[in-house]
Protein backbone atom coordinates (compact mmCIF):
# COMPACT_ATOMS: atom_id res chain seq x y z
CA UNK A 1 0.00 0.00 0.00
CA UNK A 2 1.32 3.42 -0.93
CA UNK A 3 1.40 6.31 1.50
CA UNK A 4 -1.41 8.04 -0.42
CA UNK A 5 -3.57 4.92 -0.26
CA UNK A 6 -2.96 4.66 3.49
CA UNK A 7 -3.98 8.29 3.99
CA UNK A 8 -7.13 7.82 1.90
CA UNK A 9 -8.03 4.64 3.77
CA UNK A 10 -7.89 6.53 7.08
CA UNK A 11 -10.02 9.50 6.00
CA UNK A 12 -13.32 7.96 7.10
CA UNK A 13 -12.18 6.94 10.59
CA UNK A 14 -10.58 10.35 11.11
CA UNK A 15 -13.77 12.12 10.03
CA UNK A 16 -15.76 9.98 12.45
CA UNK A 17 -13.33 10.87 15.23
CA UNK A 18 -13.64 14.61 14.51
CA UNK A 19 -17.43 14.37 14.45
CA UNK A 20 -17.65 12.43 17.71
CA UNK A 21 -15.16 14.76 19.42
CA UNK A 22 -17.43 17.66 18.51
CA UNK A 23 -20.49 15.80 19.80
CA UNK A 24 -22.24 16.08 16.43
CA UNK A 25 -24.56 13.34 15.19
CA UNK A 26 -24.16 11.93 11.71
CA UNK A 27 -27.66 13.17 10.89
CA UNK A 28 -26.82 16.73 11.94
CA UNK A 29 -23.61 16.69 9.96
CA UNK A 30 -25.34 15.24 6.91
CA UNK A 31 -27.79 18.13 6.96
CA UNK A 32 -25.00 20.69 7.20
CA UNK A 33 -22.33 19.17 4.98
CA UNK A 34 -23.99 16.48 2.89
CA UNK A 35 -21.97 13.71 4.57
CA UNK A 36 -23.14 10.13 4.49
CA UNK A 37 -22.17 7.27 6.76
CA UNK A 38 -20.71 5.50 3.70
CA UNK A 39 -17.91 8.05 3.69
CA UNK A 40 -17.10 7.51 7.37
CA UNK A 41 -17.12 3.75 6.96
CA UNK A 42 -14.70 3.98 4.04
CA UNK A 43 -17.12 2.62 1.45
CA UNK A 44 -16.50 5.64 -0.75
CA UNK A 45 -13.50 7.94 -1.12
CA UNK A 46 -14.20 11.61 -0.50
CA UNK A 47 -13.89 14.14 -3.26
CA UNK A 48 -12.61 17.65 -2.71
CA UNK A 49 -16.18 18.83 -3.06
CA UNK A 50 -17.11 16.61 -0.09
CA UNK A 51 -14.07 17.47 2.01
CA UNK A 52 -14.43 21.26 1.80
CA UNK A 53 -17.86 21.42 3.51
CA UNK A 54 -16.60 18.93 6.10
CA UNK A 55 -13.57 21.08 6.81
CA UNK A 56 -15.90 24.02 7.37
CA UNK A 57 -18.20 21.96 9.61
CA UNK A 58 -15.22 20.82 11.69
CA UNK A 59 -13.71 24.33 11.67
CA UNK A 60 -10.46 23.07 10.14
CA UNK A 61 -8.39 26.14 9.29
CA UNK A 62 -7.47 26.60 5.65
CA UNK A 63 -3.87 27.02 4.61
CA UNK A 64 -2.51 29.12 1.81
CA UNK A 65 0.41 27.73 -0.13
CA UNK A 66 0.96 30.97 -1.98
CA UNK A 67 4.26 32.70 -1.36
CA UNK A 68 4.38 36.44 -0.90
C-alpha atoms as a PDB file:
ATOM      1  CA  UNK A   1       0.000   0.000   0.000  1.00  0.00           C
ATOM      2  CA  UNK A   2       1.323   3.417  -0.929  1.00  0.00           C
ATOM      3  CA  UNK A   3       1.401   6.315   1.503  1.00  0.00           C
ATOM      4  CA  UNK A   4      -1.407   8.038  -0.420  1.00  0.00           C
ATOM      5  CA  UNK A   5      -3.571   4.916  -0.260  1.00  0.00           C
ATOM      6  CA  UNK A   6      -2.964   4.660   3.489  1.00  0.00           C
ATOM      7  CA  UNK A   7      -3.982   8.292   3.986  1.00  0.00           C
ATOM      8  CA  UNK A   8      -7.128   7.820   1.899  1.00  0.00           C
ATOM      9  CA  UNK A   9      -8.026   4.643   3.772  1.00  0.00           C
ATOM     10  CA  UNK A  10      -7.895   6.528   7.078  1.00  0.00           C
ATOM     11  CA  UNK A  11     -10.019   9.503   5.995  1.00  0.00           C
ATOM     12  CA  UNK A  12     -13.315   7.959   7.105  1.00  0.00           C
ATOM     13  CA  UNK A  13     -12.185   6.942  10.593  1.00  0.00           C
ATOM     14  CA  UNK A  14     -10.578  10.351  11.108  1.00  0.00           C
ATOM     15  CA  UNK A  15     -13.770  12.117  10.027  1.00  0.00           C
ATOM     16  CA  UNK A  16     -15.765   9.980  12.455  1.00  0.00           C
ATOM     17  CA  UNK A  17     -13.327  10.873  15.229  1.00  0.00           C
ATOM     18  CA  UNK A  18     -13.643  14.608  14.512  1.00  0.00           C
ATOM     19  CA  UNK A  19     -17.429  14.367  14.449  1.00  0.00           C
ATOM     20  CA  UNK A  20     -17.646  12.432  17.706  1.00  0.00           C
ATOM     21  CA  UNK A  21     -15.160  14.762  19.419  1.00  0.00           C
ATOM     22  CA  UNK A  22     -17.433  17.659  18.509  1.00  0.00           C
ATOM     23  CA  UNK A  23     -20.486  15.800  19.799  1.00  0.00           C
ATOM     24  CA  UNK A  24     -22.243  16.076  16.429  1.00  0.00           C
ATOM     25  CA  UNK A  25     -24.564  13.342  15.188  1.00  0.00           C
ATOM     26  CA  UNK A  26     -24.160  11.935  11.715  1.00  0.00           C
ATOM     27  CA  UNK A  27     -27.663  13.166  10.891  1.00  0.00           C
ATOM     28  CA  UNK A  28     -26.819  16.729  11.939  1.00  0.00           C
ATOM     29  CA  UNK A  29     -23.605  16.694   9.956  1.00  0.00           C
ATOM     30  CA  UNK A  30     -25.337  15.242   6.909  1.00  0.00           C
ATOM     31  CA  UNK A  31     -27.789  18.127   6.956  1.00  0.00           C
ATOM     32  CA  UNK A  32     -24.997  20.690   7.197  1.00  0.00           C
ATOM     33  CA  UNK A  33     -22.326  19.170   4.976  1.00  0.00           C
ATOM     34  CA  UNK A  34     -23.990  16.483   2.893  1.00  0.00           C
ATOM     35  CA  UNK A  35     -21.974  13.709   4.573  1.00  0.00           C
ATOM     36  CA  UNK A  36     -23.143  10.134   4.487  1.00  0.00           C
ATOM     37  CA  UNK A  37     -22.167   7.275   6.757  1.00  0.00           C
ATOM     38  CA  UNK A  38     -20.712   5.503   3.703  1.00  0.00           C
ATOM     39  CA  UNK A  39     -17.912   8.053   3.695  1.00  0.00           C
ATOM     40  CA  UNK A  40     -17.103   7.512   7.368  1.00  0.00           C
ATOM     41  CA  UNK A  41     -17.115   3.750   6.957  1.00  0.00           C
ATOM     42  CA  UNK A  42     -14.700   3.980   4.045  1.00  0.00           C
ATOM     43  CA  UNK A  43     -17.121   2.625   1.447  1.00  0.00           C
ATOM     44  CA  UNK A  44     -16.497   5.644  -0.746  1.00  0.00           C
ATOM     45  CA  UNK A  45     -13.502   7.944  -1.119  1.00  0.00           C
ATOM     46  CA  UNK A  46     -14.199  11.609  -0.504  1.00  0.00           C
ATOM     47  CA  UNK A  47     -13.894  14.144  -3.262  1.00  0.00           C
ATOM     48  CA  UNK A  48     -12.608  17.645  -2.709  1.00  0.00           C
ATOM     49  CA  UNK A  49     -16.180  18.830  -3.064  1.00  0.00           C
ATOM     50  CA  UNK A  50     -17.108  16.613  -0.088  1.00  0.00           C
ATOM     51  CA  UNK A  51     -14.069  17.474   2.011  1.00  0.00           C
ATOM     52  CA  UNK A  52     -14.433  21.259   1.797  1.00  0.00           C
ATOM     53  CA  UNK A  53     -17.857  21.418   3.513  1.00  0.00           C
ATOM     54  CA  UNK A  54     -16.605  18.933   6.101  1.00  0.00           C
ATOM     55  CA  UNK A  55     -13.570  21.083   6.807  1.00  0.00           C
ATOM     56  CA  UNK A  56     -15.903  24.019   7.370  1.00  0.00           C
ATOM     57  CA  UNK A  57     -18.202  21.961   9.613  1.00  0.00           C
ATOM     58  CA  UNK A  58     -15.217  20.820  11.694  1.00  0.00           C
ATOM     59  CA  UNK A  59     -13.709  24.334  11.669  1.00  0.00           C
ATOM     60  CA  UNK A  60     -10.465  23.072  10.140  1.00  0.00           C
ATOM     61  CA  UNK A  61      -8.387  26.139   9.291  1.00  0.00           C
ATOM     62  CA  UNK A  62      -7.469  26.596   5.652  1.00  0.00           C
ATOM     63  CA  UNK A  63      -3.865  27.021   4.610  1.00  0.00           C
ATOM     64  CA  UNK A  64      -2.513  29.121   1.807  1.00  0.00           C
ATOM     65  CA  UNK A  65       0.411  27.728  -0.130  1.00  0.00           C
ATOM     66  CA  UNK A  66       0.964  30.965  -1.979  1.00  0.00           C
ATOM     67  CA  UNK A  67       4.258  32.697  -1.361  1.00  0.00           C
ATOM     68  CA  UNK A  68       4.384  36.444  -0.903  1.00  0.00           C
END
